[in-house]
C-alpha atoms as a PDB file:
ATOM      1  CA  MET A   1      91.646 109.239  50.461  1.00  0.00           C
ATOM      2  CA  GLY A   2      92.648 112.068  52.776  1.00  0.00           C
ATOM      3  CA  GLU A   3      96.335 111.762  53.692  1.00  0.00           C
ATOM      4  CA  LEU A   4      96.538 108.122  52.585  1.00  0.00           C
ATOM      5  CA  ASP A   5      96.456 106.201  49.341  1.00  0.00           C
ATOM      6  CA  ILE A   6      95.230 102.851  50.676  1.00  0.00           C
ATOM      7  CA  ALA A   7      95.991  99.708  48.708  1.00  0.00           C
ATOM      8  CA  TYR A   8      93.104  97.246  48.912  1.00  0.00           C
ATOM      9  CA  THR A   9      91.445  94.292  47.245  1.00  0.00           C
ATOM     10  CA  LEU A  10      87.675  94.210  46.782  1.00  0.00           C
ATOM     11  CA  ALA A  11      86.510  90.790  45.616  1.00  0.00           C
ATOM     12  CA  GLY A  12      83.381  88.679  45.400  1.00  0.00           C
ATOM     13  CA  PRO A  13      79.847  89.354  44.190  1.00  0.00           C
ATOM     14  CA  ASP A  14      78.641  92.951  44.349  1.00  0.00           C
ATOM     15  CA  SER A  15      75.370  91.729  45.817  1.00  0.00           C
ATOM     16  CA  GLY A  16      77.046  89.981  48.746  1.00  0.00           C
ATOM     17  CA  GLU A  17      77.366  91.285  52.270  1.00  0.00           C
ATOM     18  CA  THR A  18      80.724  93.009  52.697  1.00  0.00           C
ATOM     19  CA  VAL A  19      83.241  91.504  55.109  1.00  0.00           C
ATOM     20  CA  LEU A  20      86.124  93.806  56.009  1.00  0.00           C
ATOM     21  CA  LEU A  21      89.301  91.783  56.656  1.00  0.00           C
ATOM     22  CA  LEU A  22      91.991  93.546  58.687  1.00  0.00           C
ATOM     23  CA  HIS A  23      95.503  92.146  59.043  1.00  0.00           C
ATOM     24  CA  GLY A  24      97.867  92.396  61.969  1.00  0.00           C
ATOM     25  CA  TRP A  25     101.571  92.685  62.766  1.00  0.00           C
ATOM     26  CA  PRO A  26     104.021  91.483  61.642  1.00  0.00           C
ATOM     27  CA  ASP A  27     101.977  90.409  58.632  1.00  0.00           C
ATOM     28  CA  ASP A  28     100.306  91.771  55.517  1.00  0.00           C
ATOM     29  CA  ALA A  29      97.007  91.654  53.663  1.00  0.00           C
ATOM     30  CA  SER A  30      97.854  88.314  52.024  1.00  0.00           C
ATOM     31  CA  THR A  31      97.178  86.704  55.411  1.00  0.00           C
ATOM     32  CA  TRP A  32      93.503  86.626  54.311  1.00  0.00           C
ATOM     33  CA  ASP A  33      93.990  85.032  50.873  1.00  0.00           C
ATOM     34  CA  ALA A  34      92.543  81.620  51.738  1.00  0.00           C
ATOM     35  CA  VAL A  35      89.765  83.062  53.903  1.00  0.00           C
ATOM     36  CA  ALA A  36      88.739  85.657  51.329  1.00  0.00           C
ATOM     37  CA  ALA A  37      88.634  83.110  48.508  1.00  0.00           C
ATOM     38  CA  ALA A  38      86.327  80.846  50.515  1.00  0.00           C
ATOM     39  CA  LEU A  39      84.074  83.730  51.529  1.00  0.00           C
ATOM     40  CA  ASN A  40      83.849  84.965  47.941  1.00  0.00           C
ATOM     41  CA  ALA A  41      82.875  81.469  46.801  1.00  0.00           C
ATOM     42  CA  GLY A  42      80.173  81.491  49.476  1.00  0.00           C
ATOM     43  CA  GLY A  43      78.663  84.735  48.229  1.00  0.00           C
ATOM     44  CA  TRP A  44      80.354  87.350  50.413  1.00  0.00           C
ATOM     45  CA  ARG A  45      82.169  90.381  49.112  1.00  0.00           C
ATOM     46  CA  THR A  46      85.505  90.908  50.877  1.00  0.00           C
ATOM     47  CA  LEU A  47      87.434  94.133  51.353  1.00  0.00           C
ATOM     48  CA  THR A  48      91.071  93.585  52.307  1.00  0.00           C
ATOM     49  CA  PRO A  49      93.210  96.703  52.808  1.00  0.00           C
ATOM     50  CA  ALA A  50      96.896  97.084  53.585  1.00  0.00           C
ATOM     51  CA  LEU A  51      97.199  99.106  56.790  1.00  0.00           C
ATOM     52  CA  ARG A  52      99.141 102.355  56.821  1.00  0.00           C
ATOM     53  CA  GLY A  53     102.837 101.547  56.826  1.00  0.00           C
ATOM     54  CA  PHE A  54     102.343  98.196  55.064  1.00  0.00           C
ATOM     55  CA  GLY A  55     102.590  97.059  51.471  1.00  0.00           C
ATOM     56  CA  GLU A  56     101.599  99.548  48.815  1.00  0.00           C
ATOM     57  CA  THR A  57      99.613 101.855  51.113  1.00  0.00           C
ATOM     58  CA  ARG A  58     101.283 105.258  51.074  1.00  0.00           C
ATOM     59  CA  PHE A  59     100.985 108.620  52.780  1.00  0.00           C
ATOM     60  CA  THR A  60     100.162 111.323  50.255  1.00  0.00           C
ATOM     61  CA  ASP A  61     101.066 114.075  52.728  1.00  0.00           C
ATOM     62  CA  GLY A  62     104.736 114.077  53.596  1.00  0.00           C
ATOM     63  CA  GLY A  63     104.062 116.046  56.765  1.00  0.00           C
ATOM     64  CA  ALA A  64     101.284 113.833  58.113  1.00  0.00           C
ATOM     65  CA  PRO A  65     102.072 112.191  61.462  1.00  0.00           C
ATOM     66  CA  ARG A  66     103.010 108.524  61.093  1.00  0.00           C
ATOM     67  CA  THR A  67     100.664 107.477  63.866  1.00  0.00           C
ATOM     68  CA  ALA A  68      99.125 104.031  64.229  1.00  0.00           C
ATOM     69  CA  ASN A  69      97.121 103.754  67.423  1.00  0.00           C
ATOM     70  CA  SER A  70      94.112 101.475  66.930  1.00  0.00           C
ATOM     71  CA  ALA A  71      91.565 104.287  66.825  1.00  0.00           C
ATOM     72  CA  MET A  72      93.490 106.071  64.085  1.00  0.00           C
ATOM     73  CA  LEU A  73      93.677 102.862  62.072  1.00  0.00           C
ATOM     74  CA  ALA A  74      89.912 102.442  62.557  1.00  0.00           C
ATOM     75  CA  MET A  75      89.428 105.939  61.165  1.00  0.00           C
ATOM     76  CA  ASP A  76      91.473 104.907  58.120  1.00  0.00           C
ATOM     77  CA  ALA A  77      89.178 101.912  57.681  1.00  0.00           C
ATOM     78  CA  ILE A  78      85.955 103.893  57.965  1.00  0.00           C
ATOM     79  CA  GLY A  79      87.340 106.389  55.471  1.00  0.00           C
ATOM     80  CA  LEU A  80      87.985 103.556  53.035  1.00  0.00           C
ATOM     81  CA  VAL A  81      84.511 102.033  53.297  1.00  0.00           C
ATOM     82  CA  ASP A  82      83.021 105.509  52.969  1.00  0.00           C
ATOM     83  CA  ALA A  83      85.028 106.139  49.805  1.00  0.00           C
ATOM     84  CA  LEU A  84      83.771 102.842  48.380  1.00  0.00           C
ATOM     85  CA  GLY A  85      80.165 103.604  49.270  1.00  0.00           C
ATOM     86  CA  ILE A  86      79.828 100.700  51.699  1.00  0.00           C
ATOM     87  CA  ASP A  87      77.273 101.402  54.405  1.00  0.00           C
ATOM     88  CA  ARG A  88      77.104  98.270  56.574  1.00  0.00           C
ATOM     89  CA  PHE A  89      79.652  95.506  56.892  1.00  0.00           C
ATOM     90  CA  ALA A  90      80.915  92.667  59.047  1.00  0.00           C
ATOM     91  CA  VAL A  91      84.500  92.949  60.227  1.00  0.00           C
ATOM     92  CA  VAL A  92      87.089  90.270  60.930  1.00  0.00           C
ATOM     93  CA  GLY A  93      90.421  91.347  62.369  1.00  0.00           C
ATOM     94  CA  HIS A  94      93.614  89.585  63.394  1.00  0.00           C
ATOM     95  CA  ASP A  95      96.125  90.955  65.920  1.00  0.00           C
ATOM     96  CA  TRP A  96      96.251  94.737  65.250  1.00  0.00           C
ATOM     97  CA  GLY A  97      93.228  94.160  63.044  1.00  0.00           C
ATOM     98  CA  ALA A  98      91.246  92.732  65.956  1.00  0.00           C
ATOM     99  CA  ASN A  99      91.577  95.934  67.942  1.00  0.00           C
ATOM    100  CA  ILE A 100      90.874  98.053  64.868  1.00  0.00           C
ATOM    101  CA  ALA A 101      87.709  96.002  64.360  1.00  0.00           C
ATOM    102  CA  GLU A 102      86.727  96.529  67.986  1.00  0.00           C
ATOM    103  CA  ALA A 103      87.202 100.295  67.624  1.00  0.00           C
ATOM    104  CA  LEU A 104      85.005 100.276  64.505  1.00  0.00           C
ATOM    105  CA  ALA A 105      82.243  98.528  66.446  1.00  0.00           C
ATOM    106  CA  VAL A 106      82.506 101.098  69.232  1.00  0.00           C
ATOM    107  CA  GLY A 107      82.691 104.146  67.008  1.00  0.00           C
ATOM    108  CA  TRP A 108      80.183 103.151  64.311  1.00  0.00           C
ATOM    109  CA  PRO A 109      77.804 100.621  65.920  1.00  0.00           C
ATOM    110  CA  GLU A 110      75.066 101.283  63.363  1.00  0.00           C
ATOM    111  CA  ARG A 111      77.374 100.173  60.560  1.00  0.00           C
ATOM    112  CA  VAL A 112      79.179  97.103  61.925  1.00  0.00           C
ATOM    113  CA  THR A 113      76.906  94.063  61.739  1.00  0.00           C
ATOM    114  CA  ARG A 114      79.212  91.421  63.206  1.00  0.00           C
ATOM    115  CA  LEU A 115      82.625  91.342  64.827  1.00  0.00           C
ATOM    116  CA  ALA A 116      85.201  88.545  64.787  1.00  0.00           C
ATOM    117  CA  MET A 117      88.466  89.108  66.656  1.00  0.00           C
ATOM    118  CA  LEU A 118      91.453  86.801  66.216  1.00  0.00           C
ATOM    119  CA  SER A 119      94.391  86.426  68.602  1.00  0.00           C
ATOM    120  CA  SER A 120      94.324  89.867  70.250  1.00  0.00           C
ATOM    121  CA  PRO A 121      91.876  90.424  73.123  1.00  0.00           C
ATOM    122  CA  PRO A 122      89.594  93.463  73.290  1.00  0.00           C
ATOM    123  CA  ARG A 123      90.652  96.667  75.002  1.00  0.00           C
ATOM    124  CA  LEU A 124      87.148  97.602  76.117  1.00  0.00           C
ATOM    125  CA  GLY A 125      87.280  99.304  79.488  1.00  0.00           C
ATOM    126  CA  GLY A 126      90.959 100.131  79.095  1.00  0.00           C
ATOM    127  CA  LEU A 127      94.179  98.198  78.566  1.00  0.00           C
ATOM    128  CA  PRO A 128      95.418  96.826  81.906  1.00  0.00           C
ATOM    129  CA  THR A 129      99.082  96.380  82.726  1.00  0.00           C
ATOM    130  CA  PRO A 130      99.864  92.733  81.940  1.00  0.00           C
ATOM    131  CA  SER A 131     100.978  90.231  84.523  1.00  0.00           C
ATOM    132  CA  PHE A 132     104.729  89.689  84.810  1.00  0.00           C
ATOM    133  CA  GLU A 133     104.418  86.412  82.901  1.00  0.00           C
ATOM    134  CA  HIS A 134     102.451  87.991  80.067  1.00  0.00           C
ATOM    135  CA  ALA A 135     104.788  90.998  79.996  1.00  0.00           C
ATOM    136  CA  GLN A 136     107.646  88.575  79.461  1.00  0.00           C
ATOM    137  CA  ARG A 137     105.883  87.300  76.335  1.00  0.00           C
ATOM    138  CA  GLU A 138     105.331  90.902  75.262  1.00  0.00           C
ATOM    139  CA  TRP A 139     108.968  91.841  75.700  1.00  0.00           C
ATOM    140  CA  TYR A 140     109.065  93.307  72.190  1.00  0.00           C
ATOM    141  CA  HIS A 141     106.593  96.037  73.271  1.00  0.00           C
ATOM    142  CA  TRP A 142     109.006  97.274  75.921  1.00  0.00           C
ATOM    143  CA  PHE A 143     112.034  96.787  73.666  1.00  0.00           C
ATOM    144  CA  MET A 144     110.536  99.103  71.058  1.00  0.00           C
ATOM    145  CA  ALA A 145     109.755 101.699  73.727  1.00  0.00           C
ATOM    146  CA  THR A 146     113.508 102.360  73.988  1.00  0.00           C
ATOM    147  CA  GLU A 147     115.566 104.284  71.459  1.00  0.00           C
ATOM    148  CA  ARG A 148     118.172 101.532  71.177  1.00  0.00           C
ATOM    149  CA  GLY A 149     115.447  98.949  70.648  1.00  0.00           C
ATOM    150  CA  ALA A 150     113.866 101.087  67.955  1.00  0.00           C
ATOM    151  CA  GLN A 151     117.212 101.433  66.238  1.00  0.00           C
ATOM    152  CA  ALA A 152     117.781  97.677  66.339  1.00  0.00           C
ATOM    153  CA  VAL A 153     114.351  96.967  64.826  1.00  0.00           C
ATOM    154  CA  GLY A 154     114.988  99.525  62.101  1.00  0.00           C
ATOM    155  CA  GLU A 155     118.281  97.886  61.237  1.00  0.00           C
ATOM    156  CA  ASP A 156     116.875  94.342  61.011  1.00  0.00           C
ATOM    157  CA  ARG A 157     113.100  94.399  60.640  1.00  0.00           C
ATOM    158  CA  ARG A 158     113.045  90.965  58.989  1.00  0.00           C
ATOM    159  CA  GLY A 159     115.079  89.365  61.756  1.00  0.00           C
ATOM    160  CA  PHE A 160     112.860  90.950  64.395  1.00  0.00           C
ATOM    161  CA  ALA A 161     109.652  89.781  62.716  1.00  0.00           C
ATOM    162  CA  HIS A 162     110.998  86.290  61.993  1.00  0.00           C
ATOM    163  CA  LEU A 163     111.608  85.773  65.701  1.00  0.00           C
ATOM    164  CA  HIS A 164     107.913  86.406  66.395  1.00  0.00           C
ATOM    165  CA  TRP A 165     106.714  84.134  63.617  1.00  0.00           C
ATOM    166  CA  THR A 166     108.913  81.433  65.144  1.00  0.00           C
ATOM    167  CA  ASN A 167     107.987  82.050  68.792  1.00  0.00           C
ATOM    168  CA  TRP A 168     104.259  82.647  68.479  1.00  0.00           C
ATOM    169  CA  SER A 169     103.192  79.385  66.825  1.00  0.00           C
ATOM    170  CA  PRO A 170     104.161  75.698  66.766  1.00  0.00           C
ATOM    171  CA  PRO A 171     107.276  74.778  64.761  1.00  0.00           C
ATOM    172  CA  GLY A 172     107.060  74.292  61.025  1.00  0.00           C
ATOM    173  CA  TRP A 173     103.911  76.315  60.372  1.00  0.00           C
ATOM    174  CA  PHE A 174     105.377  78.511  57.638  1.00  0.00           C
ATOM    175  CA  GLU A 175     107.761  78.213  54.716  1.00  0.00           C
ATOM    176  CA  ASP A 176     110.680  80.576  54.299  1.00  0.00           C
ATOM    177  CA  ALA A 177     109.377  81.638  50.890  1.00  0.00           C
ATOM    178  CA  THR A 178     106.089  82.723  52.470  1.00  0.00           C
ATOM    179  CA  PHE A 179     107.862  84.763  55.109  1.00  0.00           C
ATOM    180  CA  GLU A 180     110.080  86.470  52.551  1.00  0.00           C
ATOM    181  CA  ARG A 181     107.096  87.331  50.392  1.00  0.00           C
ATOM    182  CA  VAL A 182     105.216  88.838  53.322  1.00  0.00           C
ATOM    183  CA  ALA A 183     108.329  90.673  54.522  1.00  0.00           C
ATOM    184  CA  GLU A 184     108.291  92.745  51.346  1.00  0.00           C
ATOM    185  CA  ALA A 185     105.288  94.559  52.830  1.00  0.00           C
ATOM    186  CA  TRP A 186     107.525  95.832  55.630  1.00  0.00           C
ATOM    187  CA  ASP A 187     109.807  97.604  53.162  1.00  0.00           C
ATOM    188  CA  ASN A 188     107.186 100.341  53.173  1.00  0.00           C
ATOM    189  CA  PRO A 189     109.027 103.567  54.098  1.00  0.00           C
ATOM    190  CA  ASP A 190     106.663 104.209  57.018  1.00  0.00           C
ATOM    191  CA  TRP A 191     106.576 100.696  58.486  1.00  0.00           C
ATOM    192  CA  LEU A 192     109.026 101.401  61.282  1.00  0.00           C
ATOM    193  CA  ALA A 193     107.388 104.670  62.339  1.00  0.00           C
ATOM    194  CA  VAL A 194     103.875 103.243  62.461  1.00  0.00           C
ATOM    195  CA  THR A 195     105.086 100.089  64.218  1.00  0.00           C
ATOM    196  CA  LEU A 196     106.819 102.087  66.929  1.00  0.00           C
ATOM    197  CA  HIS A 197     103.849 104.386  67.408  1.00  0.00           C
ATOM    198  CA  SER A 198     101.393 101.515  67.639  1.00  0.00           C
ATOM    199  CA  TYR A 199     103.230  99.875  70.517  1.00  0.00           C
ATOM    200  CA  ARG A 200     104.375 103.037  72.247  1.00  0.00           C
ATOM    201  CA  SER A 201     100.940 104.637  72.196  1.00  0.00           C
ATOM    202  CA  ARG A 202      99.166 101.682  73.759  1.00  0.00           C
ATOM    203  CA  TRP A 203     101.314 102.038  76.906  1.00  0.00           C
ATOM    204  CA  ASN A 204     101.222 105.855  76.985  1.00  0.00           C
ATOM    205  CA  VAL A 205     104.851 106.184  75.930  1.00  0.00           C
ATOM    206  CA  ALA A 206     103.573 108.146  72.932  1.00  0.00           C
ATOM    207  CA  ALA A 207     100.327 110.090  72.593  1.00  0.00           C
ATOM    208  CA  PRO A 208      97.619 108.805  70.238  1.00  0.00           C
ATOM    209  CA  ASP A 209      96.913 110.801  67.120  1.00  0.00           C
ATOM    210  CA  ALA A 210      95.003 113.861  68.336  1.00  0.00           C
ATOM    211  CA  ARG A 211      92.301 113.318  65.709  1.00  0.00           C
ATOM    212  CA  SER A 212      91.469 109.931  67.196  1.00  0.00           C
ATOM    213  CA  VAL A 213      91.422 110.740  70.915  1.00  0.00           C
ATOM    214  CA  TRP A 214      87.609 110.758  70.923  1.00  0.00           C
ATOM    215  CA  LEU A 215      87.545 107.144  69.741  1.00  0.00           C
ATOM    216  CA  GLU A 216      90.345 106.006  72.027  1.00  0.00           C
ATOM    217  CA  THR A 217      88.274 107.446  74.879  1.00  0.00           C
ATOM    218  CA  GLU A 218      85.136 105.666  73.671  1.00  0.00           C
ATOM    219  CA  VAL A 219      86.924 102.307  73.598  1.00  0.00           C
ATOM    220  CA  ARG A 220      88.407 102.894  77.043  1.00  0.00           C
ATOM    221  CA  THR A 221      85.054 103.837  78.582  1.00  0.00           C
ATOM    222  CA  THR A 222      82.935 101.214  76.800  1.00  0.00           C
ATOM    223  CA  ARG A 223      82.643  98.126  79.002  1.00  0.00           C
ATOM    224  CA  THR A 224      80.759  95.740  76.733  1.00  0.00           C
ATOM    225  CA  LEU A 225      79.520  95.360  73.176  1.00  0.00           C
ATOM    226  CA  SER A 226      76.161  93.828  72.310  1.00  0.00           C
ATOM    227  CA  LEU A 227      76.545  93.014  68.600  1.00  0.00           C
ATOM    228  CA  PRO A 228      77.081  89.383  67.528  1.00  0.00           C
ATOM    229  CA  ALA A 229      80.745  88.649  68.181  1.00  0.00           C
ATOM    230  CA  MET A 230      83.333  85.893  68.057  1.00  0.00           C
ATOM    231  CA  TYR A 231      86.787  85.564  69.587  1.00  0.00           C
ATOM    232  CA  VAL A 232      89.182  83.038  68.038  1.00  0.00           C
ATOM    233  CA  GLN A 233      92.064  81.794  70.139  1.00  0.00           C
ATOM    234  CA  GLY A 234      94.882  79.495  69.024  1.00  0.00           C
ATOM    235  CA  ALA A 235      95.465  76.982  71.796  1.00  0.00           C
ATOM    236  CA  GLU A 236      99.226  77.256  71.206  1.00  0.00           C
ATOM    237  CA  ASP A 237      99.431  81.034  70.839  1.00  0.00           C
ATOM    238  CA  GLY A 238     102.860  82.012  72.107  1.00  0.00           C
ATOM    239  CA  VAL A 239     102.138  85.660  72.837  1.00  0.00           C
ATOM    240  CA  ASN A 240      98.465  85.674  73.913  1.00  0.00           C
ATOM    241  CA  PRO A 241      97.888  82.153  75.221  1.00  0.00           C
ATOM    242  CA  PRO A 242      94.433  81.041  76.384  1.00  0.00           C
ATOM    243  CA  GLU A 243      95.107  81.849  80.028  1.00  0.00           C
ATOM    244  CA  THR A 244      95.462  85.534  79.107  1.00  0.00           C
ATOM    245  CA  THR A 245      92.087  85.725  77.331  1.00  0.00           C
ATOM    246  CA  ARG A 246      89.737  83.971  79.757  1.00  0.00           C
ATOM    247  CA  GLY A 247      88.026  87.249  80.581  1.00  0.00           C
ATOM    248  CA  VAL A 248      87.120  88.020  76.968  1.00  0.00           C
ATOM    249  CA  PRO A 249      83.515  86.701  77.177  1.00  0.00           C
ATOM    250  CA  GLU A 250      82.774  89.284  79.885  1.00  0.00           C
ATOM    251  CA  LYS A 251      83.286  92.033  77.290  1.00  0.00           C
ATOM    252  CA  PHE A 252      80.286  90.955  75.196  1.00  0.00           C
ATOM    253  CA  SER A 253      76.653  91.109  76.267  1.00  0.00           C
ATOM    254  CA  GLY A 254      75.075  89.868  73.019  1.00  0.00           C
ATOM    255  CA  PRO A 255      75.453  86.632  71.041  1.00  0.00           C
ATOM    256  CA  PHE A 256      79.055  85.551  71.552  1.00  0.00           C
ATOM    257  CA  GLU A 257      81.317  82.618  70.694  1.00  0.00           C
ATOM    258  CA  TYR A 258      84.733  81.910  72.176  1.00  0.00           C
ATOM    259  CA  VAL A 259      86.597  79.551  69.862  1.00  0.00           C
ATOM    260  CA  THR A 260      89.811  77.697  70.704  1.00  0.00           C
ATOM    261  CA  LEU A 261      91.618  76.006  67.814  1.00  0.00           C
ATOM    262  CA  PRO A 262      93.776  73.053  68.980  1.00  0.00           C
ATOM    263  CA  GLY A 263      97.354  72.943  67.715  1.00  0.00           C
ATOM    264  CA  VAL A 264      97.144  76.468  66.322  1.00  0.00           C
ATOM    265  CA  GLY A 265      99.302  79.430  67.293  1.00  0.00           C
ATOM    266  CA  HIS A 266      98.956  83.156  66.780  1.00  0.00           C
ATOM    267  CA  PHE A 267      98.073  83.131  63.066  1.00  0.00           C
ATOM    268  CA  PRO A 268      94.895  81.003  62.668  1.00  0.00           C
ATOM    269  CA  GLN A 269      94.040  82.380  59.225  1.00  0.00           C
ATOM    270  CA  ARG A 270      97.450  81.295  57.909  1.00  0.00           C
ATOM    271  CA  GLU A 271      98.000  78.152  59.984  1.00  0.00           C
ATOM    272  CA  ALA A 272      94.528  76.603  59.831  1.00  0.00           C
ATOM    273  CA  PRO A 273      92.235  78.483  57.415  1.00  0.00           C
ATOM    274  CA  ASP A 274      89.869  75.535  57.021  1.00  0.00           C
ATOM    275  CA  ALA A 275      89.406  75.171  60.784  1.00  0.00           C
ATOM    276  CA  LEU A 276      88.838  78.907  61.073  1.00  0.00           C
ATOM    277  CA  LEU A 277      86.346  78.961  58.200  1.00  0.00           C
ATOM    278  CA  ALA A 278      84.415  76.073  59.755  1.00  0.00           C
ATOM    279  CA  ARG A 279      83.568  78.420  62.627  1.00  0.00           C
ATOM    280  CA  LEU A 280      83.611  81.769  60.806  1.00  0.00           C
ATOM    281  CA  ILE A 281      81.170  80.931  58.002  1.00  0.00           C
ATOM    282  CA  PRO A 282      78.322  79.804  60.320  1.00  0.00           C
ATOM    283  CA  PHE A 283      78.965  82.904  62.412  1.00  0.00           C
ATOM    284  CA  LEU A 284      78.607  85.159  59.369  1.00  0.00           C
ATOM    285  CA  GLU A 285      75.550  83.241  58.143  1.00  0.00           C
ATOM    286  CA  ALA A 286      73.661  83.424  61.441  1.00  0.00           C
ATOM    287  CA  ALA A 287      70.520  85.536  61.366  1.00  0.00           C
END
């Protein structure tokens, strides 16, 4: 597909409504395993890709820019659903995936039926500079904006990611074997480049991919979305705690649910899939 060979899983009944599941960082597509299985059992068809720079997804053009701003990742996603002949779909995104999902809803409103965003607030209207307290939680953004920080991440990507898994959710939520299995997705040769570009581009340290500027502009100038939407917030999220997402409901003018999951951190789909599904399934079923 274009400059990418995207690894994906398409599961569930062909007759079911398609739900596009988009993972975040530092994570991989297996983050949706429990959610996808439940949705498939309920009659939905799920499409779960590995983002560029993750897992088995590979660039087929050695000279293609290793960009990863949200709009460019949304263009990857729309290219995938086009290639599979999928016209309309619901989208559920976590972390990076949440902002990719948001960009899909902005850029292709006639195709996205429902939007569920997990753990990363919308960027509609532009991404404001965070408060000092929130910037302290987002220290890794600024660290990767420096050349020495980038070098350090490249030299120990597992150690860097493990720190976030530990800091962003309550203790004991994951097993070492799970982390090591997921970390294999970050051995992708382009993981570091796309990671750095994602964080640098959101703060204007790097330019977005030129092909996606139109969509970045649309997201920045769009104030609200009117499609049915849900925002899921872990009450114990260590990087985007509830106090940083109180303004999210103002970004949606249509049917909207703001969900807080007690005792859950940044990874609801991994930490508490049953609690998430108890809210997600009725949302997807609603007329």
